[in-house]
């Protein structure tokens, strides 16, 4: 876990939304993901988590910045070289209902990746590989001839996981893979992802809203706000000693299943609305809702600096 598998440097993704306006979805983020670890990414809806994930995989072309995968700049590749690298990096999508083609059988949904990358020499080999993948994610291989509408949400997400694993990747971006599922099914899917990581040595970028689940699955956690990473630290460290005011507010919203502790806990309620990424505030992006904000915050944007060993925060008053 010492060597970074993925290195993201000064990554930006802007969208032109017309009338001369630019939406700054991802606005200069930098971090590493080590081989075999899970980096959790949390933040409010619209903070740029999913856009960051898709830009890292080059599903969106970046506005600026670089992503190194195993020492290779993926944005410099084209044609067959980029196609070959696609095998190494896969994605599990948020909505298991929308991400599977309703007109294709499960065999064809999973087998499509095998066909594209020419990983099966015959129909029998392809069928066997699909059945093995279904078995790996806890589904009955006999169901391979069924269509997506014949499965529950949790089963469909398992199909999505099997599809991502078909090409034997090293790095998987999990884009809120449990948010569309029943609470009773969420733990099963997370436990499956952890089991697969142990078996196959996978590296995850795990994007989610559920802070408790992120703590459970992640080795380190990055907190995003309005296209920026405002804090990044080992999971236990971040939850025990949050240093950024935004992280403290997020963590204060997690209910604790002990009435006595819950009754004495201070709930941090943020004032004001989330600013628009089309016209973000000057200086610190969080200053319009921050209880610690001063004039310095309006004029000087804080850098992501090491506040404690391995614990980085972007705040003048952390």
C-alpha atoms as a PDB file:
ATOM      1  CA  UNK A   1       0.000   0.000   0.000  1.00  0.00           C
ATOM      2  CA  UNK A   2       3.001   2.308  -0.238  1.00  0.00           C
ATOM      3  CA  UNK A   3       3.134   3.001  -3.976  1.00  0.00           C
ATOM      4  CA  UNK A   4       0.468   5.362  -5.378  1.00  0.00           C
ATOM      5  CA  UNK A   5      -1.519   3.625  -8.113  1.00  0.00           C
ATOM      6  CA  UNK A   6      -3.386   6.799  -9.114  1.00  0.00           C
ATOM      7  CA  UNK A   7      -2.014  10.341  -8.816  1.00  0.00           C
ATOM      8  CA  UNK A   8      -4.383  13.247  -9.474  1.00  0.00           C
ATOM      9  CA  UNK A   9      -2.749  16.668  -9.909  1.00  0.00           C
ATOM     10  CA  UNK A  10      -4.560  20.036 -10.207  1.00  0.00           C
ATOM     11  CA  UNK A  11      -7.560  18.411 -11.908  1.00  0.00           C
ATOM     12  CA  UNK A  12     -10.234  20.779 -13.211  1.00  0.00           C
ATOM     13  CA  UNK A  13     -13.451  20.088 -15.089  1.00  0.00           C
ATOM     14  CA  UNK A  14     -15.499  23.073 -16.258  1.00  0.00           C
ATOM     15  CA  UNK A  15     -18.707  22.980 -18.306  1.00  0.00           C
ATOM     16  CA  UNK A  16     -19.802  25.725 -20.660  1.00  0.00           C
ATOM     17  CA  UNK A  17     -23.506  26.231 -19.898  1.00  0.00           C
ATOM     18  CA  UNK A  18     -24.144  29.031 -22.406  1.00  0.00           C
ATOM     19  CA  UNK A  19     -24.500  32.823 -22.179  1.00  0.00           C
ATOM     20  CA  UNK A  20     -20.787  33.053 -21.425  1.00  0.00           C
ATOM     21  CA  UNK A  21     -21.163  31.167 -18.143  1.00  0.00           C
ATOM     22  CA  UNK A  22     -18.906  28.379 -16.909  1.00  0.00           C
ATOM     23  CA  UNK A  23     -19.860  25.799 -14.303  1.00  0.00           C
ATOM     24  CA  UNK A  24     -16.773  24.871 -12.272  1.00  0.00           C
ATOM     25  CA  UNK A  25     -17.738  21.315 -11.275  1.00  0.00           C
ATOM     26  CA  UNK A  26     -14.221  20.222 -10.271  1.00  0.00           C
ATOM     27  CA  UNK A  27     -11.964  23.127  -9.414  1.00  0.00           C
ATOM     28  CA  UNK A  28      -8.309  22.138  -8.876  1.00  0.00           C
ATOM     29  CA  UNK A  29      -8.124  18.936  -6.824  1.00  0.00           C
ATOM     30  CA  UNK A  30      -5.001  16.876  -6.054  1.00  0.00           C
ATOM     31  CA  UNK A  31      -4.561  13.585  -4.190  1.00  0.00           C
ATOM     32  CA  UNK A  32      -3.047  10.092  -4.477  1.00  0.00           C
ATOM     33  CA  UNK A  33      -4.693   6.679  -4.182  1.00  0.00           C
ATOM     34  CA  UNK A  34      -2.348   3.932  -3.012  1.00  0.00           C
ATOM     35  CA  UNK A  35      -2.289   0.402  -4.344  1.00  0.00           C
ATOM     36  CA  UNK A  36      -4.882  -1.726  -2.530  1.00  0.00           C
ATOM     37  CA  UNK A  37      -6.535   1.053  -0.516  1.00  0.00           C
ATOM     38  CA  UNK A  38     -10.025   2.519  -0.516  1.00  0.00           C
ATOM     39  CA  UNK A  39     -10.271   6.315  -0.667  1.00  0.00           C
ATOM     40  CA  UNK A  40     -13.725   7.546   0.288  1.00  0.00           C
ATOM     41  CA  UNK A  41     -15.056  10.824  -1.146  1.00  0.00           C
ATOM     42  CA  UNK A  42     -17.909  12.599   0.652  1.00  0.00           C
ATOM     43  CA  UNK A  43     -19.754  15.907   0.335  1.00  0.00           C
ATOM     44  CA  UNK A  44     -23.135  17.447  -0.427  1.00  0.00           C
ATOM     45  CA  UNK A  45     -24.991  16.818  -3.680  1.00  0.00           C
ATOM     46  CA  UNK A  46     -23.518  19.003  -6.406  1.00  0.00           C
ATOM     47  CA  UNK A  47     -20.051  19.284  -4.838  1.00  0.00           C
ATOM     48  CA  UNK A  48     -18.383  17.557  -7.822  1.00  0.00           C
ATOM     49  CA  UNK A  49     -17.793  14.032  -6.460  1.00  0.00           C
ATOM     50  CA  UNK A  50     -19.227  12.112  -9.425  1.00  0.00           C
ATOM     51  CA  UNK A  51     -17.778  14.535 -11.987  1.00  0.00           C
ATOM     52  CA  UNK A  52     -14.349  14.057 -10.421  1.00  0.00           C
ATOM     53  CA  UNK A  53     -14.720  10.288 -10.673  1.00  0.00           C
ATOM     54  CA  UNK A  54     -15.765  10.392 -14.321  1.00  0.00           C
ATOM     55  CA  UNK A  55     -12.979  12.823 -15.208  1.00  0.00           C
ATOM     56  CA  UNK A  56     -10.385  10.628 -13.496  1.00  0.00           C
ATOM     57  CA  UNK A  57     -11.536   7.734 -15.707  1.00  0.00           C
ATOM     58  CA  UNK A  58     -11.603  10.070 -18.735  1.00  0.00           C
ATOM     59  CA  UNK A  59     -15.315   9.567 -19.339  1.00  0.00           C
ATOM     60  CA  UNK A  60     -15.163  13.376 -19.314  1.00  0.00           C
ATOM     61  CA  UNK A  61     -12.180  15.116 -20.886  1.00  0.00           C
ATOM     62  CA  UNK A  62     -10.470  17.371 -18.286  1.00  0.00           C
ATOM     63  CA  UNK A  63     -10.262  21.138 -18.550  1.00  0.00           C
ATOM     64  CA  UNK A  64      -6.840  21.118 -16.880  1.00  0.00           C
ATOM     65  CA  UNK A  65      -4.603  18.866 -14.802  1.00  0.00           C
ATOM     66  CA  UNK A  66      -3.254  15.333 -15.012  1.00  0.00           C
ATOM     67  CA  UNK A  67      -4.071  11.822 -13.853  1.00  0.00           C
ATOM     68  CA  UNK A  68      -1.209   9.322 -13.634  1.00  0.00           C
ATOM     69  CA  UNK A  69      -2.161   5.656 -13.522  1.00  0.00           C
ATOM     70  CA  UNK A  70       0.779   3.408 -12.644  1.00  0.00           C
ATOM     71  CA  UNK A  71       3.083   6.220 -13.799  1.00  0.00           C
ATOM     72  CA  UNK A  72       1.281   6.763 -17.138  1.00  0.00           C
ATOM     73  CA  UNK A  73      -0.493  10.053 -17.901  1.00  0.00           C
ATOM     74  CA  UNK A  74      -3.865   8.776 -19.132  1.00  0.00           C
ATOM     75  CA  UNK A  75      -4.712  12.079 -20.847  1.00  0.00           C
ATOM     76  CA  UNK A  76      -1.729  11.678 -23.180  1.00  0.00           C
ATOM     77  CA  UNK A  77      -2.972   8.332 -24.533  1.00  0.00           C
ATOM     78  CA  UNK A  78      -5.180   7.717 -27.566  1.00  0.00           C
ATOM     79  CA  UNK A  79      -6.511   4.864 -29.688  1.00  0.00           C
ATOM     80  CA  UNK A  80      -5.389   1.343 -28.805  1.00  0.00           C
ATOM     81  CA  UNK A  81      -3.218   2.494 -25.860  1.00  0.00           C
ATOM     82  CA  UNK A  82      -6.183   4.164 -24.165  1.00  0.00           C
ATOM     83  CA  UNK A  83      -8.381   1.150 -24.930  1.00  0.00           C
ATOM     84  CA  UNK A  84      -5.811  -1.145 -23.309  1.00  0.00           C
ATOM     85  CA  UNK A  85      -5.720   1.068 -20.208  1.00  0.00           C
ATOM     86  CA  UNK A  86      -9.525   0.946 -19.952  1.00  0.00           C
ATOM     87  CA  UNK A  87      -9.138  -2.674 -18.837  1.00  0.00           C
ATOM     88  CA  UNK A  88      -7.254  -1.486 -15.756  1.00  0.00           C
ATOM     89  CA  UNK A  89      -9.855   1.110 -14.661  1.00  0.00           C
ATOM     90  CA  UNK A  90     -13.574   0.446 -14.338  1.00  0.00           C
ATOM     91  CA  UNK A  91     -16.658   2.048 -12.807  1.00  0.00           C
ATOM     92  CA  UNK A  92     -19.678   0.871 -10.827  1.00  0.00           C
ATOM     93  CA  UNK A  93     -22.499   3.312 -11.503  1.00  0.00           C
ATOM     94  CA  UNK A  94     -24.952   4.815  -9.048  1.00  0.00           C
ATOM     95  CA  UNK A  95     -28.265   3.681 -10.520  1.00  0.00           C
ATOM     96  CA  UNK A  96     -28.539  -0.074 -11.143  1.00  0.00           C
ATOM     97  CA  UNK A  97     -31.822   0.548 -12.973  1.00  0.00           C
ATOM     98  CA  UNK A  98     -30.402   2.992 -15.535  1.00  0.00           C
ATOM     99  CA  UNK A  99     -26.902   1.567 -15.997  1.00  0.00           C
ATOM    100  CA  UNK A 100     -27.968  -1.826 -17.415  1.00  0.00           C
ATOM    101  CA  UNK A 101     -29.367  -2.092 -20.962  1.00  0.00           C
ATOM    102  CA  UNK A 102     -32.941  -3.450 -20.589  1.00  0.00           C
ATOM    103  CA  UNK A 103     -32.786  -5.075 -24.042  1.00  0.00           C
ATOM    104  CA  UNK A 104     -29.714  -7.182 -23.268  1.00  0.00           C
ATOM    105  CA  UNK A 105     -29.498 -10.410 -21.273  1.00  0.00           C
ATOM    106  CA  UNK A 106     -27.160 -10.579 -18.283  1.00  0.00           C
ATOM    107  CA  UNK A 107     -24.836 -12.775 -20.367  1.00  0.00           C
ATOM    108  CA  UNK A 108     -24.517 -10.057 -23.016  1.00  0.00           C
ATOM    109  CA  UNK A 109     -24.231  -7.196 -20.500  1.00  0.00           C
ATOM    110  CA  UNK A 110     -21.258  -8.841 -18.777  1.00  0.00           C
ATOM    111  CA  UNK A 111     -19.932 -10.502 -21.929  1.00  0.00           C
ATOM    112  CA  UNK A 112     -19.819  -7.232 -23.882  1.00  0.00           C
ATOM    113  CA  UNK A 113     -16.614  -6.204 -22.076  1.00  0.00           C
ATOM    114  CA  UNK A 114     -15.079  -9.598 -22.869  1.00  0.00           C
ATOM    115  CA  UNK A 115     -15.940  -9.104 -26.553  1.00  0.00           C
ATOM    116  CA  UNK A 116     -14.547  -5.564 -26.739  1.00  0.00           C
ATOM    117  CA  UNK A 117     -11.222  -6.553 -25.216  1.00  0.00           C
ATOM    118  CA  UNK A 118     -11.154  -9.995 -26.915  1.00  0.00           C
ATOM    119  CA  UNK A 119     -10.846 -11.860 -23.614  1.00  0.00           C
ATOM    120  CA  UNK A 120     -12.810 -14.966 -24.603  1.00  0.00           C
ATOM    121  CA  UNK A 121     -11.767 -17.264 -27.428  1.00  0.00           C
ATOM    122  CA  UNK A 122     -15.081 -19.083 -27.890  1.00  0.00           C
ATOM    123  CA  UNK A 123     -18.763 -18.905 -26.941  1.00  0.00           C
ATOM    124  CA  UNK A 124     -18.286 -21.670 -24.399  1.00  0.00           C
ATOM    125  CA  UNK A 125     -15.360 -19.830 -22.773  1.00  0.00           C
ATOM    126  CA  UNK A 126     -17.379 -16.594 -22.709  1.00  0.00           C
ATOM    127  CA  UNK A 127     -20.367 -18.365 -21.111  1.00  0.00           C
ATOM    128  CA  UNK A 128     -18.141 -19.986 -18.482  1.00  0.00           C
ATOM    129  CA  UNK A 129     -16.479 -16.653 -17.644  1.00  0.00           C
ATOM    130  CA  UNK A 130     -19.874 -14.911 -17.235  1.00  0.00           C
ATOM    131  CA  UNK A 131     -21.136 -17.715 -14.984  1.00  0.00           C
ATOM    132  CA  UNK A 132     -17.964 -17.535 -12.862  1.00  0.00           C
ATOM    133  CA  UNK A 133     -18.390 -13.769 -12.459  1.00  0.00           C
ATOM    134  CA  UNK A 134     -22.042 -14.144 -11.414  1.00  0.00           C
ATOM    135  CA  UNK A 135     -21.009 -16.759  -8.856  1.00  0.00           C
ATOM    136  CA  UNK A 136     -18.255 -14.431  -7.616  1.00  0.00           C
ATOM    137  CA  UNK A 137     -20.760 -11.646  -6.824  1.00  0.00           C
ATOM    138  CA  UNK A 138     -23.280 -14.004  -5.174  1.00  0.00           C
ATOM    139  CA  UNK A 139     -25.754 -14.516  -8.029  1.00  0.00           C
ATOM    140  CA  UNK A 140     -27.036 -17.783  -9.469  1.00  0.00           C
ATOM    141  CA  UNK A 141     -25.150 -18.533 -12.726  1.00  0.00           C
ATOM    142  CA  UNK A 142     -28.387 -20.056 -14.103  1.00  0.00           C
ATOM    143  CA  UNK A 143     -29.846 -16.532 -14.212  1.00  0.00           C
ATOM    144  CA  UNK A 144     -27.433 -15.432 -16.956  1.00  0.00           C
ATOM    145  CA  UNK A 145     -30.135 -15.670 -19.646  1.00  0.00           C
ATOM    146  CA  UNK A 146     -32.513 -13.317 -17.805  1.00  0.00           C
ATOM    147  CA  UNK A 147     -33.041  -9.595 -18.434  1.00  0.00           C
ATOM    148  CA  UNK A 148     -32.383  -6.755 -15.939  1.00  0.00           C
ATOM    149  CA  UNK A 149     -36.104  -6.174 -15.178  1.00  0.00           C
ATOM    150  CA  UNK A 150     -36.260  -9.676 -13.681  1.00  0.00           C
ATOM    151  CA  UNK A 151     -33.869  -8.714 -10.863  1.00  0.00           C
ATOM    152  CA  UNK A 152     -34.169  -6.622  -7.714  1.00  0.00           C
ATOM    153  CA  UNK A 153     -32.107  -3.442  -7.228  1.00  0.00           C
ATOM    154  CA  UNK A 154     -29.487  -5.200  -5.125  1.00  0.00           C
ATOM    155  CA  UNK A 155     -29.166  -8.023  -7.661  1.00  0.00           C
ATOM    156  CA  UNK A 156     -28.801  -5.518 -10.502  1.00  0.00           C
ATOM    157  CA  UNK A 157     -26.011  -3.752  -8.663  1.00  0.00           C
ATOM    158  CA  UNK A 158     -24.264  -7.119  -8.291  1.00  0.00           C
ATOM    159  CA  UNK A 159     -24.558  -7.508 -12.074  1.00  0.00           C
ATOM    160  CA  UNK A 160     -22.966  -4.046 -12.406  1.00  0.00           C
ATOM    161  CA  UNK A 161     -20.118  -5.165 -10.142  1.00  0.00           C
ATOM    162  CA  UNK A 162     -19.655  -8.370 -12.183  1.00  0.00           C
ATOM    163  CA  UNK A 163     -19.514  -6.295 -15.371  1.00  0.00           C
ATOM    164  CA  UNK A 164     -16.795  -4.060 -13.861  1.00  0.00           C
ATOM    165  CA  UNK A 165     -14.788  -7.136 -12.807  1.00  0.00           C
ATOM    166  CA  UNK A 166     -15.086  -8.868 -16.200  1.00  0.00           C
ATOM    167  CA  UNK A 167     -11.878  -7.320 -17.568  1.00  0.00           C
ATOM    168  CA  UNK A 168      -9.892  -7.977 -14.356  1.00  0.00           C
ATOM    169  CA  UNK A 169      -9.235  -4.312 -13.449  1.00  0.00           C
ATOM    170  CA  UNK A 170      -6.868  -2.952 -10.798  1.00  0.00           C
ATOM    171  CA  UNK A 171      -8.802   0.247  -9.992  1.00  0.00           C
ATOM    172  CA  UNK A 172     -12.576   0.693  -9.635  1.00  0.00           C
ATOM    173  CA  UNK A 173     -14.484   3.924  -9.049  1.00  0.00           C
ATOM    174  CA  UNK A 174     -17.640   3.186  -7.063  1.00  0.00           C
ATOM    175  CA  UNK A 175     -19.963   6.118  -7.827  1.00  0.00           C
ATOM    176  CA  UNK A 176     -22.484   6.033  -4.966  1.00  0.00           C
ATOM    177  CA  UNK A 177     -23.072   2.304  -5.584  1.00  0.00           C
ATOM    178  CA  UNK A 178     -25.451   1.890  -2.625  1.00  0.00           C
ATOM    179  CA  UNK A 179     -27.463   5.132  -2.628  1.00  0.00           C
ATOM    180  CA  UNK A 180     -30.282   3.700  -4.815  1.00  0.00           C
ATOM    181  CA  UNK A 181     -30.611   0.515  -2.735  1.00  0.00           C
ATOM    182  CA  UNK A 182     -32.691  -0.420   0.303  1.00  0.00           C
ATOM    183  CA  UNK A 183     -30.840   0.043   3.594  1.00  0.00           C
ATOM    184  CA  UNK A 184     -31.010  -3.718   4.269  1.00  0.00           C
ATOM    185  CA  UNK A 185     -29.212  -4.401   0.968  1.00  0.00           C
ATOM    186  CA  UNK A 186     -26.567  -1.654   1.288  1.00  0.00           C
ATOM    187  CA  UNK A 187     -24.470  -3.521   3.871  1.00  0.00           C
ATOM    188  CA  UNK A 188     -24.515  -6.672   1.725  1.00  0.00           C
ATOM    189  CA  UNK A 189     -23.144  -4.789  -1.291  1.00  0.00           C
ATOM    190  CA  UNK A 190     -20.456  -3.012   0.772  1.00  0.00           C
ATOM    191  CA  UNK A 191     -19.393  -6.310   2.360  1.00  0.00           C
ATOM    192  CA  UNK A 192     -19.210  -7.848  -1.137  1.00  0.00           C
ATOM    193  CA  UNK A 193     -16.966  -4.990  -2.335  1.00  0.00           C
ATOM    194  CA  UNK A 194     -14.649  -5.481   0.659  1.00  0.00           C
ATOM    195  CA  UNK A 195     -14.503  -9.244   0.103  1.00  0.00           C
ATOM    196  CA  UNK A 196     -13.661  -8.746  -3.598  1.00  0.00           C
ATOM    197  CA  UNK A 197     -10.951  -6.236  -2.642  1.00  0.00           C
ATOM    198  CA  UNK A 198      -9.320  -8.797  -0.354  1.00  0.00           C
ATOM    199  CA  UNK A 199      -9.541 -11.582  -2.957  1.00  0.00           C
ATOM    200  CA  UNK A 200      -8.399  -9.574  -5.977  1.00  0.00           C
ATOM    201  CA  UNK A 201      -6.213  -6.808  -4.527  1.00  0.00           C
ATOM    202  CA  UNK A 202      -8.483  -4.078  -5.900  1.00  0.00           C
ATOM    203  CA  UNK A 203      -8.087  -0.328  -5.347  1.00  0.00           C
ATOM    204  CA  UNK A 204     -11.286   1.708  -4.856  1.00  0.00           C
ATOM    205  CA  UNK A 205     -12.369   5.330  -5.069  1.00  0.00           C
ATOM    206  CA  UNK A 206     -15.631   5.105  -3.118  1.00  0.00           C
ATOM    207  CA  UNK A 207     -17.998   8.056  -3.640  1.00  0.00           C
ATOM    208  CA  UNK A 208     -20.931   8.278  -1.216  1.00  0.00           C
ATOM    209  CA  UNK A 209     -23.270  10.416   0.860  1.00  0.00           C
ATOM    210  CA  UNK A 210     -23.525   8.022   3.785  1.00  0.00           C
ATOM    211  CA  UNK A 211     -20.747   9.094   6.146  1.00  0.00           C
ATOM    212  CA  UNK A 212     -21.130   6.025   8.375  1.00  0.00           C
ATOM    213  CA  UNK A 213     -20.733   3.655   5.422  1.00  0.00           C
ATOM    214  CA  UNK A 214     -17.716   5.602   4.132  1.00  0.00           C
ATOM    215  CA  UNK A 215     -16.059   5.253   7.547  1.00  0.00           C
ATOM    216  CA  UNK A 216     -16.723   1.500   7.456  1.00  0.00           C
ATOM    217  CA  UNK A 217     -15.214   0.837   4.016  1.00  0.00           C
ATOM    218  CA  UNK A 218     -12.509   3.522   3.576  1.00  0.00           C
ATOM    219  CA  UNK A 219      -8.848   3.624   4.577  1.00  0.00           C
ATOM    220  CA  UNK A 220      -8.737   7.390   3.946  1.00  0.00           C
ATOM    221  CA  UNK A 221     -11.495   9.944   3.355  1.00  0.00           C
ATOM    222  CA  UNK A 222     -11.522  13.115   1.233  1.00  0.00           C
ATOM    223  CA  UNK A 223     -14.180  15.762   1.906  1.00  0.00           C
ATOM    224  CA  UNK A 224     -15.294  17.867  -1.082  1.00  0.00           C
ATOM    225  CA  UNK A 225     -17.088  21.200  -1.080  1.00  0.00           C
ATOM    226  CA  UNK A 226     -17.988  23.144  -4.232  1.00  0.00           C
ATOM    227  CA  UNK A 227     -15.447  21.421  -6.473  1.00  0.00           C
ATOM    228  CA  UNK A 228     -12.579  21.531  -3.945  1.00  0.00           C
ATOM    229  CA  UNK A 229     -11.065  19.007  -1.545  1.00  0.00           C
ATOM    230  CA  UNK A 230     -11.210  20.746   1.848  1.00  0.00           C
ATOM    231  CA  UNK A 231      -9.899  17.905   4.034  1.00  0.00           C
ATOM    232  CA  UNK A 232      -8.277  14.509   3.511  1.00  0.00           C
ATOM    233  CA  UNK A 233      -7.098  12.134   6.249  1.00  0.00           C
ATOM    234  CA  UNK A 234      -7.051   8.501   7.400  1.00  0.00           C
ATOM    235  CA  UNK A 235     -10.626   7.404   8.110  1.00  0.00           C
ATOM    236  CA  UNK A 236     -10.366   6.943  11.908  1.00  0.00           C
ATOM    237  CA  UNK A 237      -8.380  10.177  12.239  1.00  0.00           C
ATOM    238  CA  UNK A 238     -10.902  12.227  10.251  1.00  0.00           C
ATOM    239  CA  UNK A 239     -13.891  10.992  12.231  1.00  0.00           C
ATOM    240  CA  UNK A 240     -12.135  11.391  15.606  1.00  0.00           C
ATOM    241  CA  UNK A 241     -10.387  14.738  14.940  1.00  0.00           C
ATOM    242  CA  UNK A 242     -12.068  16.689  12.108  1.00  0.00           C
ATOM    243  CA  UNK A 243     -10.274  20.017  11.604  1.00  0.00           C
ATOM    244  CA  UNK A 244     -12.243  21.777   8.833  1.00  0.00           C
ATOM    245  CA  UNK A 245     -15.483  23.533   9.881  1.00  0.00           C
ATOM    246  CA  UNK A 246     -17.377  21.890   6.996  1.00  0.00           C
ATOM    247  CA  UNK A 247     -16.233  18.392   7.993  1.00  0.00           C
ATOM    248  CA  UNK A 248     -17.276  19.093  11.589  1.00  0.00           C
ATOM    249  CA  UNK A 249     -20.740  20.128  10.394  1.00  0.00           C
ATOM    250  CA  UNK A 250     -21.105  16.991   8.251  1.00  0.00           C
ATOM    251  CA  UNK A 251     -20.037  14.685  11.070  1.00  0.00           C
ATOM    252  CA  UNK A 252     -22.324  16.384  13.587  1.00  0.00           C
ATOM    253  CA  UNK A 253     -25.270  15.315  11.422  1.00  0.00           C
ATOM    254  CA  UNK A 254     -24.540  11.583  11.903  1.00  0.00           C
ATOM    255  CA  UNK A 255     -26.939  10.200  14.534  1.00  0.00           C
ATOM    256  CA  UNK A 256     -25.368   8.220  17.397  1.00  0.00           C
ATOM    257  CA  UNK A 257     -27.381   5.176  18.596  1.00  0.00           C
ATOM    258  CA  UNK A 258     -27.039   6.144  22.262  1.00  0.00           C
ATOM    259  CA  UNK A 259     -29.756   8.495  23.603  1.00  0.00           C
ATOM    260  CA  UNK A 260     -27.583   9.900  26.405  1.00  0.00           C
ATOM    261  CA  UNK A 261     -24.650  10.812  24.121  1.00  0.00           C
ATOM    262  CA  UNK A 262     -27.014  12.070  21.407  1.00  0.00           C
ATOM    263  CA  UNK A 263     -28.810  14.359  23.878  1.00  0.00           C
ATOM    264  CA  UNK A 264     -25.586  16.082  24.916  1.00  0.00           C
ATOM    265  CA  UNK A 265     -24.060  16.392  21.447  1.00  0.00           C
ATOM    266  CA  UNK A 266     -23.763  19.767  19.750  1.00  0.00           C
ATOM    267  CA  UNK A 267     -25.385  19.829  16.322  1.00  0.00           C
ATOM    268  CA  UNK A 268     -23.673  22.232  13.900  1.00  0.00           C
ATOM    269  CA  UNK A 269     -26.265  23.750  11.565  1.00  0.00           C
ATOM    270  CA  UNK A 270     -24.851  25.577   8.548  1.00  0.00           C
ATOM    271  CA  UNK A 271     -26.516  28.864   7.650  1.00  0.00           C
ATOM    272  CA  UNK A 272     -27.178  30.027   4.088  1.00  0.00           C
ATOM    273  CA  UNK A 273     -27.479  28.062   0.873  1.00  0.00           C
ATOM    274  CA  UNK A 274     -24.801  26.223  -1.065  1.00  0.00           C
ATOM    275  CA  UNK A 275     -23.275  28.801  -3.487  1.00  0.00           C
ATOM    276  CA  UNK A 276     -23.536  28.196  -7.216  1.00  0.00           C
ATOM    277  CA  UNK A 277     -20.529  26.521  -8.891  1.00  0.00           C
ATOM    278  CA  UNK A 278     -21.160  28.960 -11.769  1.00  0.00           C
ATOM    279  CA  UNK A 279     -20.252  31.887  -9.531  1.00  0.00           C
ATOM    280  CA  UNK A 280     -18.351  30.553  -6.488  1.00  0.00           C
ATOM    281  CA  UNK A 281     -17.285  32.909  -3.670  1.00  0.00           C
ATOM    282  CA  UNK A 282     -13.839  34.514  -3.744  1.00  0.00           C
ATOM    283  CA  UNK A 283     -11.150  33.182  -1.441  1.00  0.00           C
ATOM    284  CA  UNK A 284     -12.336  30.227   0.622  1.00  0.00           C
ATOM    285  CA  UNK A 285     -15.355  28.626  -1.081  1.00  0.00           C
ATOM    286  CA  UNK A 286     -16.892  27.741   2.292  1.00  0.00           C
ATOM    287  CA  UNK A 287     -16.627  31.216   3.836  1.00  0.00           C
ATOM    288  CA  UNK A 288     -20.252  32.242   3.109  1.00  0.00           C
ATOM    289  CA  UNK A 289     -21.476  29.506   5.474  1.00  0.00           C
ATOM    290  CA  UNK A 290     -18.543  29.277   7.886  1.00  0.00           C
ATOM    291  CA  UNK A 291     -18.796  30.426  11.532  1.00  0.00           C
ATOM    292  CA  UNK A 292     -15.044  31.184  11.589  1.00  0.00           C
ATOM    293  CA  UNK A 293     -14.894  33.316   8.419  1.00  0.00           C
ATOM    294  CA  UNK A 294     -12.914  36.598   8.458  1.00  0.00           C
ATOM    295  CA  UNK A 295     -11.811  39.138   5.830  1.00  0.00           C
ATOM    296  CA  UNK A 296      -8.735  37.008   5.144  1.00  0.00           C
ATOM    297  CA  UNK A 297     -11.018  34.133   4.051  1.00  0.00           C
ATOM    298  CA  UNK A 298     -12.649  36.395   1.440  1.00  0.00           C
ATOM    299  CA  UNK A 299      -9.358  37.435  -0.147  1.00  0.00           C
ATOM    300  CA  UNK A 300      -6.980  34.472   0.302  1.00  0.00           C
ATOM    301  CA  UNK A 301      -7.915  30.962  -0.753  1.00  0.00           C
ATOM    302  CA  UNK A 302      -6.483  28.457   1.774  1.00  0.00           C
ATOM    303  CA  UNK A 303      -4.085  25.789   0.506  1.00  0.00           C
ATOM    304  CA  UNK A 304      -4.484  22.123   1.404  1.00  0.00           C
ATOM    305  CA  UNK A 305      -1.747  21.806   4.049  1.00  0.00           C
ATOM    306  CA  UNK A 306      -0.722  19.093   6.530  1.00  0.00           C
ATOM    307  CA  UNK A 307      -2.363  20.005   9.840  1.00  0.00           C
ATOM    308  CA  UNK A 308      -1.402  16.704  11.502  1.00  0.00           C
ATOM    309  CA  UNK A 309       0.729  13.815  10.134  1.00  0.00           C
ATOM    310  CA  UNK A 310      -1.119  12.527   7.059  1.00  0.00           C
ATOM    311  CA  UNK A 311      -4.060  14.866   7.766  1.00  0.00           C
ATOM    312  CA  UNK A 312      -4.479  17.692   5.235  1.00  0.00           C
ATOM    313  CA  UNK A 313      -6.873  20.627   5.621  1.00  0.00           C
ATOM    314  CA  UNK A 314      -7.689  23.719   3.529  1.00  0.00           C
ATOM    315  CA  UNK A 315      -8.591  26.248   6.234  1.00  0.00           C
ATOM    316  CA  UNK A 316      -6.823  29.293   7.680  1.00  0.00           C
ATOM    317  CA  UNK A 317      -8.197  28.517  11.148  1.00  0.00           C
ATOM    318  CA  UNK A 318      -8.147  24.707  11.270  1.00  0.00           C
END
